[in-house]
């Protein structure tokens, strides 16, 4: 955020009667692993902001995911971030991995639903969550929201990810490589659809992808952590060789900023997302879910940024 504040403080200076051009507003966007959905969408957002908002220069960076993104926000190393609602709630409430202190987060918009994928392949003897016991399983990269949600999901069905199987902590792309090499049996990853790494796995000759149902975990997860999760589906044929609907747990994704982001900056970010939605859909089809109707008081567990509130009010939507 220091980048934004220092740039905005450098207002146009008049020298010898001529106005010096203002520096650009530089924005750093924290995304996720390269094999997920945050990463391409974050890159698309950086492109449209840089292209369509005069005076803006945005860049995106690959990260481990939601928890790491909120840590970057706390350290003022990122200005905008993609995150799952449960991780944002922990940061805002100073709980879980953020027990040391609340992070001053605000929502720019509710983005799209993030569906938990539990992925394996035929021949590994896994038909249900209980079959993961004794297997080699990736529970998500360190400091990712996948890791957070995986722990909660397994806890809800009476399993312990630190004891019940041989645990790896890999990104989806590294997990898929390990599955292909016979070094891993299954992977948890929460994301939009499709995840490019799982598309690659499903398309691998001689390999049949399998997605494991786990919607039964939603009720006990919500009983302990609040109404953050919903029962949902990954439709059949979302991935090559996936013939059946997959019943899953889902959490909303948010695009967030720090509380101290200037109102006009937040306003411009939200405005360009909705006005240039087609550009983002061209990057990843989950941007089709970017919808004004999803911007509600209950849509985000943390407060909306005043800049976002201003934009949505212009569209006749009250979110505060």
C-alpha atoms as a PDB file:
ATOM      1  CA  UNK A   1       0.000   0.000   0.000  1.00  0.00           C
ATOM      2  CA  UNK A   2       2.968   2.308   0.497  1.00  0.00           C
ATOM      3  CA  UNK A   3       3.368   2.183  -3.285  1.00  0.00           C
ATOM      4  CA  UNK A   4      -0.111   3.605  -3.807  1.00  0.00           C
ATOM      5  CA  UNK A   5       0.101   6.229  -1.090  1.00  0.00           C
ATOM      6  CA  UNK A   6       3.502   7.498  -2.185  1.00  0.00           C
ATOM      7  CA  UNK A   7       2.380   7.722  -5.806  1.00  0.00           C
ATOM      8  CA  UNK A   8      -0.832   9.529  -4.961  1.00  0.00           C
ATOM      9  CA  UNK A   9       1.079  11.938  -2.730  1.00  0.00           C
ATOM     10  CA  UNK A  10       3.250  12.886  -5.706  1.00  0.00           C
ATOM     11  CA  UNK A  11       0.629  15.138  -7.268  1.00  0.00           C
ATOM     12  CA  UNK A  12       1.352  17.002 -10.466  1.00  0.00           C
ATOM     13  CA  UNK A  13       4.014  19.623  -9.824  1.00  0.00           C
ATOM     14  CA  UNK A  14       4.174  22.830 -11.836  1.00  0.00           C
ATOM     15  CA  UNK A  15       7.682  23.688 -12.976  1.00  0.00           C
ATOM     16  CA  UNK A  16       8.317  26.774 -15.116  1.00  0.00           C
ATOM     17  CA  UNK A  17       4.593  26.925 -15.876  1.00  0.00           C
ATOM     18  CA  UNK A  18       4.416  23.327 -17.200  1.00  0.00           C
ATOM     19  CA  UNK A  19       2.746  20.479 -15.336  1.00  0.00           C
ATOM     20  CA  UNK A  20       4.952  17.461 -14.715  1.00  0.00           C
ATOM     21  CA  UNK A  21       3.162  14.209 -15.589  1.00  0.00           C
ATOM     22  CA  UNK A  22       2.010  12.257 -12.557  1.00  0.00           C
ATOM     23  CA  UNK A  23       3.690   8.911 -11.882  1.00  0.00           C
ATOM     24  CA  UNK A  24       1.633   5.794 -12.407  1.00  0.00           C
ATOM     25  CA  UNK A  25      -0.332   4.120  -9.620  1.00  0.00           C
ATOM     26  CA  UNK A  26       1.528   0.826  -9.222  1.00  0.00           C
ATOM     27  CA  UNK A  27      -0.554  -2.118  -8.048  1.00  0.00           C
ATOM     28  CA  UNK A  28       0.688  -5.532  -6.986  1.00  0.00           C
ATOM     29  CA  UNK A  29      -1.893  -8.331  -7.295  1.00  0.00           C
ATOM     30  CA  UNK A  30      -1.346 -11.520  -5.257  1.00  0.00           C
ATOM     31  CA  UNK A  31      -2.801 -14.555  -7.045  1.00  0.00           C
ATOM     32  CA  UNK A  32      -2.029 -18.249  -6.448  1.00  0.00           C
ATOM     33  CA  UNK A  33      -0.140 -21.249  -7.877  1.00  0.00           C
ATOM     34  CA  UNK A  34       0.450 -21.231 -11.629  1.00  0.00           C
ATOM     35  CA  UNK A  35      -1.661 -24.369 -12.067  1.00  0.00           C
ATOM     36  CA  UNK A  36      -4.767 -22.874 -10.440  1.00  0.00           C
ATOM     37  CA  UNK A  37      -7.379 -20.248 -11.393  1.00  0.00           C
ATOM     38  CA  UNK A  38      -6.257 -17.235  -9.339  1.00  0.00           C
ATOM     39  CA  UNK A  39      -3.050 -16.988 -11.346  1.00  0.00           C
ATOM     40  CA  UNK A  40      -4.506 -16.475 -14.853  1.00  0.00           C
ATOM     41  CA  UNK A  41      -7.349 -14.298 -13.553  1.00  0.00           C
ATOM     42  CA  UNK A  42      -4.890 -12.151 -11.620  1.00  0.00           C
ATOM     43  CA  UNK A  43      -2.792 -11.735 -14.741  1.00  0.00           C
ATOM     44  CA  UNK A  44      -5.890 -10.783 -16.708  1.00  0.00           C
ATOM     45  CA  UNK A  45      -6.880  -8.245 -14.063  1.00  0.00           C
ATOM     46  CA  UNK A  46      -3.413  -6.687 -14.148  1.00  0.00           C
ATOM     47  CA  UNK A  47      -3.660  -6.379 -17.926  1.00  0.00           C
ATOM     48  CA  UNK A  48      -7.077  -4.708 -17.991  1.00  0.00           C
ATOM     49  CA  UNK A  49      -6.179  -2.289 -15.193  1.00  0.00           C
ATOM     50  CA  UNK A  50      -2.965  -1.291 -16.942  1.00  0.00           C
ATOM     51  CA  UNK A  51      -4.710  -0.997 -20.314  1.00  0.00           C
ATOM     52  CA  UNK A  52      -7.968   0.709 -19.453  1.00  0.00           C
ATOM     53  CA  UNK A  53      -7.295   2.878 -16.377  1.00  0.00           C
ATOM     54  CA  UNK A  54      -5.037   5.810 -17.304  1.00  0.00           C
ATOM     55  CA  UNK A  55      -2.124   6.201 -14.914  1.00  0.00           C
ATOM     56  CA  UNK A  56      -2.246   2.604 -13.609  1.00  0.00           C
ATOM     57  CA  UNK A  57       0.494  -0.016 -13.881  1.00  0.00           C
ATOM     58  CA  UNK A  58      -0.508  -3.364 -12.382  1.00  0.00           C
ATOM     59  CA  UNK A  59       1.422  -6.593 -12.090  1.00  0.00           C
ATOM     60  CA  UNK A  60       0.422 -10.007 -10.778  1.00  0.00           C
ATOM     61  CA  UNK A  61       2.541 -12.470  -8.832  1.00  0.00           C
ATOM     62  CA  UNK A  62       2.242 -16.207  -8.271  1.00  0.00           C
ATOM     63  CA  UNK A  63       1.851 -17.188  -4.608  1.00  0.00           C
ATOM     64  CA  UNK A  64       0.930 -20.201  -2.495  1.00  0.00           C
ATOM     65  CA  UNK A  65      -2.660 -18.929  -2.320  1.00  0.00           C
ATOM     66  CA  UNK A  66      -5.107 -17.291   0.074  1.00  0.00           C
ATOM     67  CA  UNK A  67      -3.296 -17.484   3.411  1.00  0.00           C
ATOM     68  CA  UNK A  68      -0.013 -16.353   1.870  1.00  0.00           C
ATOM     69  CA  UNK A  69      -1.866 -13.540   0.087  1.00  0.00           C
ATOM     70  CA  UNK A  70      -3.328 -12.236   3.332  1.00  0.00           C
ATOM     71  CA  UNK A  71       0.109 -12.393   4.913  1.00  0.00           C
ATOM     72  CA  UNK A  72       1.427 -10.300   2.014  1.00  0.00           C
ATOM     73  CA  UNK A  73      -1.405  -7.821   2.569  1.00  0.00           C
ATOM     74  CA  UNK A  74      -0.546  -7.666   6.264  1.00  0.00           C
ATOM     75  CA  UNK A  75       3.082  -6.899   5.351  1.00  0.00           C
ATOM     76  CA  UNK A  76       1.937  -4.244   2.839  1.00  0.00           C
ATOM     77  CA  UNK A  77       3.653  -6.153   0.035  1.00  0.00           C
ATOM     78  CA  UNK A  78       0.495  -6.598  -2.050  1.00  0.00           C
ATOM     79  CA  UNK A  79      -2.291  -4.142  -2.827  1.00  0.00           C
ATOM     80  CA  UNK A  80      -4.954  -6.509  -4.196  1.00  0.00           C
ATOM     81  CA  UNK A  81      -5.392 -10.224  -3.583  1.00  0.00           C
ATOM     82  CA  UNK A  82      -7.552 -13.189  -4.453  1.00  0.00           C
ATOM     83  CA  UNK A  83      -8.646 -15.192  -1.421  1.00  0.00           C
ATOM     84  CA  UNK A  84     -11.172 -17.674  -0.171  1.00  0.00           C
ATOM     85  CA  UNK A  85     -13.760 -16.286   2.227  1.00  0.00           C
ATOM     86  CA  UNK A  86     -12.756 -18.556   5.114  1.00  0.00           C
ATOM     87  CA  UNK A  87      -9.122 -17.423   5.012  1.00  0.00           C
ATOM     88  CA  UNK A  88     -10.202 -13.778   4.773  1.00  0.00           C
ATOM     89  CA  UNK A  89     -12.492 -14.262   7.762  1.00  0.00           C
ATOM     90  CA  UNK A  90      -9.612 -15.666   9.825  1.00  0.00           C
ATOM     91  CA  UNK A  91      -7.409 -12.701   8.916  1.00  0.00           C
ATOM     92  CA  UNK A  92     -10.126 -10.161   9.663  1.00  0.00           C
ATOM     93  CA  UNK A  93     -11.011 -11.808  13.001  1.00  0.00           C
ATOM     94  CA  UNK A  94      -7.411 -12.492  14.095  1.00  0.00           C
ATOM     95  CA  UNK A  95      -7.898 -16.241  14.396  1.00  0.00           C
ATOM     96  CA  UNK A  96      -6.297 -19.390  13.075  1.00  0.00           C
ATOM     97  CA  UNK A  97      -3.025 -18.565  11.337  1.00  0.00           C
ATOM     98  CA  UNK A  98      -3.633 -14.875  12.058  1.00  0.00           C
ATOM     99  CA  UNK A  99      -4.065 -15.127  15.829  1.00  0.00           C
ATOM    100  CA  UNK A 100      -1.174 -12.669  16.295  1.00  0.00           C
ATOM    101  CA  UNK A 101      -3.340  -9.799  15.058  1.00  0.00           C
ATOM    102  CA  UNK A 102      -6.156  -8.792  12.749  1.00  0.00           C
ATOM    103  CA  UNK A 103      -5.334  -7.878   9.155  1.00  0.00           C
ATOM    104  CA  UNK A 104      -7.149  -4.711   7.945  1.00  0.00           C
ATOM    105  CA  UNK A 105      -8.905  -6.322   4.978  1.00  0.00           C
ATOM    106  CA  UNK A 106     -11.826  -5.095   2.926  1.00  0.00           C
ATOM    107  CA  UNK A 107     -13.725  -6.798   0.109  1.00  0.00           C
ATOM    108  CA  UNK A 108     -13.671  -5.310  -3.367  1.00  0.00           C
ATOM    109  CA  UNK A 109     -16.063  -7.923  -4.743  1.00  0.00           C
ATOM    110  CA  UNK A 110     -17.383 -11.456  -4.403  1.00  0.00           C
ATOM    111  CA  UNK A 111     -15.778 -13.240  -7.348  1.00  0.00           C
ATOM    112  CA  UNK A 112     -16.814 -16.874  -7.947  1.00  0.00           C
ATOM    113  CA  UNK A 113     -17.390 -20.133  -6.068  1.00  0.00           C
ATOM    114  CA  UNK A 114     -14.321 -22.164  -5.172  1.00  0.00           C
ATOM    115  CA  UNK A 115     -15.007 -25.898  -5.283  1.00  0.00           C
ATOM    116  CA  UNK A 116     -12.914 -28.354  -3.328  1.00  0.00           C
ATOM    117  CA  UNK A 117     -11.384 -30.959  -5.637  1.00  0.00           C
ATOM    118  CA  UNK A 118     -10.276 -34.299  -4.208  1.00  0.00           C
ATOM    119  CA  UNK A 119      -8.566 -35.874  -7.191  1.00  0.00           C
ATOM    120  CA  UNK A 120      -7.070 -39.282  -7.807  1.00  0.00           C
ATOM    121  CA  UNK A 121      -6.933 -41.756 -10.694  1.00  0.00           C
ATOM    122  CA  UNK A 122      -8.270 -45.235 -11.324  1.00  0.00           C
ATOM    123  CA  UNK A 123      -6.149 -48.002  -9.873  1.00  0.00           C
ATOM    124  CA  UNK A 124      -5.175 -46.260  -6.629  1.00  0.00           C
ATOM    125  CA  UNK A 125      -7.932 -47.901  -4.561  1.00  0.00           C
ATOM    126  CA  UNK A 126      -9.636 -44.657  -3.557  1.00  0.00           C
ATOM    127  CA  UNK A 127     -13.443 -44.473  -3.762  1.00  0.00           C
ATOM    128  CA  UNK A 128     -14.220 -42.329  -0.701  1.00  0.00           C
ATOM    129  CA  UNK A 129     -12.401 -40.077   1.777  1.00  0.00           C
ATOM    130  CA  UNK A 130     -11.825 -42.919   4.241  1.00  0.00           C
ATOM    131  CA  UNK A 131      -9.812 -44.731   1.550  1.00  0.00           C
ATOM    132  CA  UNK A 132      -7.137 -42.032   1.787  1.00  0.00           C
ATOM    133  CA  UNK A 133      -5.859 -43.632   4.986  1.00  0.00           C
ATOM    134  CA  UNK A 134      -2.369 -44.953   4.465  1.00  0.00           C
ATOM    135  CA  UNK A 135      -2.045 -43.328   1.032  1.00  0.00           C
ATOM    136  CA  UNK A 136       0.254 -40.566  -0.231  1.00  0.00           C
ATOM    137  CA  UNK A 137      -1.805 -37.363  -0.357  1.00  0.00           C
ATOM    138  CA  UNK A 138      -1.091 -33.698  -1.068  1.00  0.00           C
ATOM    139  CA  UNK A 139      -3.095 -31.313   1.125  1.00  0.00           C
ATOM    140  CA  UNK A 140      -2.090 -28.117  -0.668  1.00  0.00           C
ATOM    141  CA  UNK A 141       0.915 -25.829  -0.619  1.00  0.00           C
ATOM    142  CA  UNK A 142       2.017 -24.375   2.736  1.00  0.00           C
ATOM    143  CA  UNK A 143       0.064 -21.226   3.650  1.00  0.00           C
ATOM    144  CA  UNK A 144      -2.620 -21.934   1.076  1.00  0.00           C
ATOM    145  CA  UNK A 145      -6.367 -21.802   1.687  1.00  0.00           C
ATOM    146  CA  UNK A 146      -6.478 -25.333   0.268  1.00  0.00           C
ATOM    147  CA  UNK A 147      -4.477 -26.495   3.269  1.00  0.00           C
ATOM    148  CA  UNK A 148      -6.835 -24.638   5.608  1.00  0.00           C
ATOM    149  CA  UNK A 149     -10.012 -26.037   4.047  1.00  0.00           C
ATOM    150  CA  UNK A 150      -8.562 -29.544   3.724  1.00  0.00           C
ATOM    151  CA  UNK A 151      -7.841 -29.634   7.442  1.00  0.00           C
ATOM    152  CA  UNK A 152     -11.395 -28.525   8.238  1.00  0.00           C
ATOM    153  CA  UNK A 153     -12.953 -30.961   5.760  1.00  0.00           C
ATOM    154  CA  UNK A 154     -11.042 -33.980   7.037  1.00  0.00           C
ATOM    155  CA  UNK A 155     -11.683 -33.002  10.644  1.00  0.00           C
ATOM    156  CA  UNK A 156     -15.409 -32.912   9.841  1.00  0.00           C
ATOM    157  CA  UNK A 157     -15.336 -36.566   8.759  1.00  0.00           C
ATOM    158  CA  UNK A 158     -13.160 -37.713  11.646  1.00  0.00           C
ATOM    159  CA  UNK A 159      -9.795 -37.750   9.888  1.00  0.00           C
ATOM    160  CA  UNK A 160      -6.463 -36.096  10.694  1.00  0.00           C
ATOM    161  CA  UNK A 161      -4.309 -34.957   7.777  1.00  0.00           C
ATOM    162  CA  UNK A 162      -1.166 -35.111   9.923  1.00  0.00           C
ATOM    163  CA  UNK A 163      -1.682 -38.741  10.963  1.00  0.00           C
ATOM    164  CA  UNK A 164      -3.972 -40.689   8.628  1.00  0.00           C
ATOM    165  CA  UNK A 165      -1.839 -40.663   5.488  1.00  0.00           C
ATOM    166  CA  UNK A 166       1.588 -39.771   4.189  1.00  0.00           C
ATOM    167  CA  UNK A 167       1.204 -36.063   3.697  1.00  0.00           C
ATOM    168  CA  UNK A 168       2.748 -33.931   0.974  1.00  0.00           C
ATOM    169  CA  UNK A 169       2.261 -30.154   0.628  1.00  0.00           C
ATOM    170  CA  UNK A 170       2.405 -29.525  -3.104  1.00  0.00           C
ATOM    171  CA  UNK A 171       0.937 -27.152  -5.659  1.00  0.00           C
ATOM    172  CA  UNK A 172      -1.594 -28.739  -8.046  1.00  0.00           C
ATOM    173  CA  UNK A 173       0.853 -28.868 -10.931  1.00  0.00           C
ATOM    174  CA  UNK A 174       3.513 -30.624  -8.826  1.00  0.00           C
ATOM    175  CA  UNK A 175       0.855 -32.934  -7.399  1.00  0.00           C
ATOM    176  CA  UNK A 176      -0.243 -33.991 -10.884  1.00  0.00           C
ATOM    177  CA  UNK A 177       3.369 -34.673 -11.887  1.00  0.00           C
ATOM    178  CA  UNK A 178       3.771 -36.814  -8.771  1.00  0.00           C
ATOM    179  CA  UNK A 179       0.559 -38.752  -9.485  1.00  0.00           C
ATOM    180  CA  UNK A 180       1.731 -39.454 -13.030  1.00  0.00           C
ATOM    181  CA  UNK A 181       5.088 -40.662 -11.680  1.00  0.00           C
ATOM    182  CA  UNK A 182       3.416 -42.981  -9.164  1.00  0.00           C
ATOM    183  CA  UNK A 183       4.728 -40.960  -6.200  1.00  0.00           C
ATOM    184  CA  UNK A 184       1.356 -39.609  -5.040  1.00  0.00           C
ATOM    185  CA  UNK A 185      -2.136 -41.106  -4.810  1.00  0.00           C
ATOM    186  CA  UNK A 186      -4.432 -38.110  -4.402  1.00  0.00           C
ATOM    187  CA  UNK A 187      -4.506 -34.320  -4.155  1.00  0.00           C
ATOM    188  CA  UNK A 188      -6.762 -31.774  -2.492  1.00  0.00           C
ATOM    189  CA  UNK A 189      -7.143 -28.421  -4.226  1.00  0.00           C
ATOM    190  CA  UNK A 190      -9.874 -25.816  -3.921  1.00  0.00           C
ATOM    191  CA  UNK A 191     -10.410 -23.688  -7.014  1.00  0.00           C
ATOM    192  CA  UNK A 192     -12.698 -22.652  -9.812  1.00  0.00           C
ATOM    193  CA  UNK A 193     -13.421 -24.906 -12.767  1.00  0.00           C
ATOM    194  CA  UNK A 194     -11.453 -26.004 -14.663  1.00  0.00           C
ATOM    195  CA  UNK A 195      -8.086 -26.354 -12.946  1.00  0.00           C
ATOM    196  CA  UNK A 196      -5.580 -26.590 -15.776  1.00  0.00           C
ATOM    197  CA  UNK A 197      -3.436 -29.159 -13.955  1.00  0.00           C
ATOM    198  CA  UNK A 198      -6.396 -31.518 -13.546  1.00  0.00           C
ATOM    199  CA  UNK A 199      -7.407 -31.023 -17.161  1.00  0.00           C
ATOM    200  CA  UNK A 200      -3.884 -32.137 -18.043  1.00  0.00           C
ATOM    201  CA  UNK A 201      -4.174 -35.168 -15.758  1.00  0.00           C
ATOM    202  CA  UNK A 202      -7.499 -36.199 -17.257  1.00  0.00           C
ATOM    203  CA  UNK A 203      -6.115 -35.882 -20.765  1.00  0.00           C
ATOM    204  CA  UNK A 204      -3.051 -38.034 -20.049  1.00  0.00           C
ATOM    205  CA  UNK A 205      -3.134 -41.218 -22.179  1.00  0.00           C
ATOM    206  CA  UNK A 206      -3.681 -44.366 -20.132  1.00  0.00           C
ATOM    207  CA  UNK A 207      -4.937 -42.396 -17.119  1.00  0.00           C
ATOM    208  CA  UNK A 208      -8.549 -42.061 -15.936  1.00  0.00           C
ATOM    209  CA  UNK A 209      -9.219 -39.207 -13.532  1.00  0.00           C
ATOM    210  CA  UNK A 210     -11.471 -39.759 -10.509  1.00  0.00           C
ATOM    211  CA  UNK A 211     -13.027 -37.062  -8.287  1.00  0.00           C
ATOM    212  CA  UNK A 212     -14.042 -38.101  -4.767  1.00  0.00           C
ATOM    213  CA  UNK A 213     -17.381 -36.977  -3.258  1.00  0.00           C
ATOM    214  CA  UNK A 214     -17.209 -35.185   0.104  1.00  0.00           C
ATOM    215  CA  UNK A 215     -20.292 -32.949   0.431  1.00  0.00           C
ATOM    216  CA  UNK A 216     -21.176 -34.717   3.682  1.00  0.00           C
ATOM    217  CA  UNK A 217     -18.481 -32.624   5.392  1.00  0.00           C
ATOM    218  CA  UNK A 218     -20.275 -29.295   4.824  1.00  0.00           C
ATOM    219  CA  UNK A 219     -22.749 -29.435   7.731  1.00  0.00           C
ATOM    220  CA  UNK A 220     -20.158 -30.233  10.428  1.00  0.00           C
ATOM    221  CA  UNK A 221     -17.738 -27.677   8.943  1.00  0.00           C
ATOM    222  CA  UNK A 222     -20.359 -24.949   9.203  1.00  0.00           C
ATOM    223  CA  UNK A 223     -21.368 -26.049  12.685  1.00  0.00           C
ATOM    224  CA  UNK A 224     -17.833 -25.355  13.887  1.00  0.00           C
ATOM    225  CA  UNK A 225     -16.621 -22.504  11.690  1.00  0.00           C
ATOM    226  CA  UNK A 226     -19.776 -20.618  10.725  1.00  0.00           C
ATOM    227  CA  UNK A 227     -21.840 -20.499   7.514  1.00  0.00           C
ATOM    228  CA  UNK A 228     -18.878 -20.262   5.152  1.00  0.00           C
ATOM    229  CA  UNK A 229     -19.383 -23.437   3.112  1.00  0.00           C
ATOM    230  CA  UNK A 230     -22.120 -24.793   0.855  1.00  0.00           C
ATOM    231  CA  UNK A 231     -22.858 -28.152  -0.774  1.00  0.00           C
ATOM    232  CA  UNK A 232     -22.178 -27.928  -4.491  1.00  0.00           C
ATOM    233  CA  UNK A 233     -21.206 -29.984  -7.524  1.00  0.00           C
ATOM    234  CA  UNK A 234     -18.447 -30.187 -10.085  1.00  0.00           C
ATOM    235  CA  UNK A 235     -20.513 -31.020 -13.176  1.00  0.00           C
ATOM    236  CA  UNK A 236     -19.788 -34.170 -15.156  1.00  0.00           C
ATOM    237  CA  UNK A 237     -17.317 -33.684 -18.000  1.00  0.00           C
ATOM    238  CA  UNK A 238     -15.662 -30.699 -16.315  1.00  0.00           C
ATOM    239  CA  UNK A 239     -12.456 -32.675 -16.868  1.00  0.00           C
ATOM    240  CA  UNK A 240     -11.493 -35.190 -19.550  1.00  0.00           C
ATOM    241  CA  UNK A 241     -12.755 -38.635 -18.553  1.00  0.00           C
ATOM    242  CA  UNK A 242     -14.896 -37.336 -15.656  1.00  0.00           C
ATOM    243  CA  UNK A 243     -18.195 -39.082 -16.315  1.00  0.00           C
ATOM    244  CA  UNK A 244     -20.103 -38.414 -13.070  1.00  0.00           C
ATOM    245  CA  UNK A 245     -21.178 -35.350 -11.121  1.00  0.00           C
ATOM    246  CA  UNK A 246     -18.872 -34.779  -8.149  1.00  0.00           C
ATOM    247  CA  UNK A 247     -20.607 -33.704  -4.897  1.00  0.00           C
ATOM    248  CA  UNK A 248     -18.365 -31.233  -3.112  1.00  0.00           C
ATOM    249  CA  UNK A 249     -17.885 -28.502  -0.520  1.00  0.00           C
ATOM    250  CA  UNK A 250     -17.646 -24.968  -1.890  1.00  0.00           C
ATOM    251  CA  UNK A 251     -16.530 -21.614  -0.492  1.00  0.00           C
ATOM    252  CA  UNK A 252     -16.791 -18.199  -2.128  1.00  0.00           C
ATOM    253  CA  UNK A 253     -13.772 -16.393  -3.545  1.00  0.00           C
ATOM    254  CA  UNK A 254     -13.219 -12.728  -2.845  1.00  0.00           C
ATOM    255  CA  UNK A 255     -11.036 -10.063  -4.384  1.00  0.00           C
ATOM    256  CA  UNK A 256      -9.786  -7.961  -1.488  1.00  0.00           C
ATOM    257  CA  UNK A 257      -7.727  -4.875  -0.674  1.00  0.00           C
ATOM    258  CA  UNK A 258      -6.358  -3.298   2.459  1.00  0.00           C
ATOM    259  CA  UNK A 259      -8.618  -0.994   4.406  1.00  0.00           C
ATOM    260  CA  UNK A 260      -6.292   1.959   3.718  1.00  0.00           C
ATOM    261  CA  UNK A 261      -6.462   1.697  -0.086  1.00  0.00           C
ATOM    262  CA  UNK A 262      -7.626   5.104  -1.398  1.00  0.00           C
ATOM    263  CA  UNK A 263     -11.321   5.151  -2.270  1.00  0.00           C
ATOM    264  CA  UNK A 264     -10.769   6.200  -5.887  1.00  0.00           C
ATOM    265  CA  UNK A 265      -8.273   3.394  -6.471  1.00  0.00           C
ATOM    266  CA  UNK A 266     -10.656   0.749  -5.109  1.00  0.00           C
ATOM    267  CA  UNK A 267     -13.518   2.265  -7.111  1.00  0.00           C
ATOM    268  CA  UNK A 268     -11.534   2.130 -10.371  1.00  0.00           C
ATOM    269  CA  UNK A 269     -10.509  -1.488  -9.785  1.00  0.00           C
ATOM    270  CA  UNK A 270     -14.089  -2.650  -9.246  1.00  0.00           C
ATOM    271  CA  UNK A 271     -15.365  -0.535 -12.131  1.00  0.00           C
ATOM    272  CA  UNK A 272     -12.901  -1.964 -14.637  1.00  0.00           C
ATOM    273  CA  UNK A 273     -13.587  -5.551 -13.516  1.00  0.00           C
ATOM    274  CA  UNK A 274     -17.268  -5.229 -14.340  1.00  0.00           C
ATOM    275  CA  UNK A 275     -16.879  -3.036 -17.416  1.00  0.00           C
ATOM    276  CA  UNK A 276     -14.184  -5.280 -18.904  1.00  0.00           C
ATOM    277  CA  UNK A 277     -15.614  -8.587 -17.782  1.00  0.00           C
ATOM    278  CA  UNK A 278     -15.438 -10.027 -21.310  1.00  0.00           C
ATOM    279  CA  UNK A 279     -11.668  -9.516 -21.317  1.00  0.00           C
ATOM    280  CA  UNK A 280     -11.413 -11.543 -18.112  1.00  0.00           C
ATOM    281  CA  UNK A 281     -13.746 -14.277 -19.391  1.00  0.00           C
ATOM    282  CA  UNK A 282     -11.364 -14.657 -22.334  1.00  0.00           C
ATOM    283  CA  UNK A 283      -8.632 -15.439 -19.794  1.00  0.00           C
ATOM    284  CA  UNK A 284     -10.686 -17.906 -17.714  1.00  0.00           C
ATOM    285  CA  UNK A 285     -14.355 -18.817 -17.881  1.00  0.00           C
ATOM    286  CA  UNK A 286     -14.801 -18.518 -14.092  1.00  0.00           C
ATOM    287  CA  UNK A 287     -15.000 -14.773 -14.721  1.00  0.00           C
ATOM    288  CA  UNK A 288     -18.506 -15.492 -16.048  1.00  0.00           C
ATOM    289  CA  UNK A 289     -19.451 -15.668 -12.353  1.00  0.00           C
ATOM    290  CA  UNK A 290     -18.463 -12.028 -11.792  1.00  0.00           C
ATOM    291  CA  UNK A 291     -21.977 -10.701 -11.254  1.00  0.00           C
ATOM    292  CA  UNK A 292     -23.464  -7.651  -9.569  1.00  0.00           C
ATOM    293  CA  UNK A 293     -26.220  -9.819  -8.088  1.00  0.00           C
ATOM    294  CA  UNK A 294     -23.593 -11.634  -5.984  1.00  0.00           C
ATOM    295  CA  UNK A 295     -22.526  -8.405  -4.279  1.00  0.00           C
ATOM    296  CA  UNK A 296     -24.667  -8.562  -1.159  1.00  0.00           C
ATOM    297  CA  UNK A 297     -24.383  -7.899   2.558  1.00  0.00           C
ATOM    298  CA  UNK A 298     -24.189 -11.632   3.174  1.00  0.00           C
ATOM    299  CA  UNK A 299     -21.982 -12.390   0.180  1.00  0.00           C
ATOM    300  CA  UNK A 300     -18.790 -11.436   1.981  1.00  0.00           C
ATOM    301  CA  UNK A 301     -17.971 -12.264   5.616  1.00  0.00           C
ATOM    302  CA  UNK A 302     -15.796  -9.124   5.866  1.00  0.00           C
ATOM    303  CA  UNK A 303     -16.868  -5.514   5.166  1.00  0.00           C
ATOM    304  CA  UNK A 304     -16.743  -4.064   1.675  1.00  0.00           C
ATOM    305  CA  UNK A 305     -14.248  -1.302   0.852  1.00  0.00           C
ATOM    306  CA  UNK A 306     -15.785   2.199   0.604  1.00  0.00           C
ATOM    307  CA  UNK A 307     -14.637   2.406  -3.023  1.00  0.00           C
ATOM    308  CA  UNK A 308     -16.524  -0.782  -3.827  1.00  0.00           C
ATOM    309  CA  UNK A 309     -19.565   0.447  -1.891  1.00  0.00           C
ATOM    310  CA  UNK A 310     -19.508   3.627  -4.007  1.00  0.00           C
ATOM    311  CA  UNK A 311     -19.440   1.696  -7.298  1.00  0.00           C
ATOM    312  CA  UNK A 312     -22.161  -0.742  -6.283  1.00  0.00           C
ATOM    313  CA  UNK A 313     -24.347   2.138  -5.025  1.00  0.00           C
ATOM    314  CA  UNK A 314     -24.145   3.669  -8.493  1.00  0.00           C
ATOM    315  CA  UNK A 315     -25.560   0.373  -9.786  1.00  0.00           C
ATOM    316  CA  UNK A 316     -28.389   0.448  -7.271  1.00  0.00           C
ATOM    317  CA  UNK A 317     -26.867  -2.147  -4.945  1.00  0.00           C
ATOM    318  CA  UNK A 318     -26.447  -1.640  -1.192  1.00  0.00           C
ATOM    319  CA  UNK A 319     -23.727  -3.750   0.391  1.00  0.00           C
ATOM    320  CA  UNK A 320     -23.197  -1.888   3.686  1.00  0.00           C
END
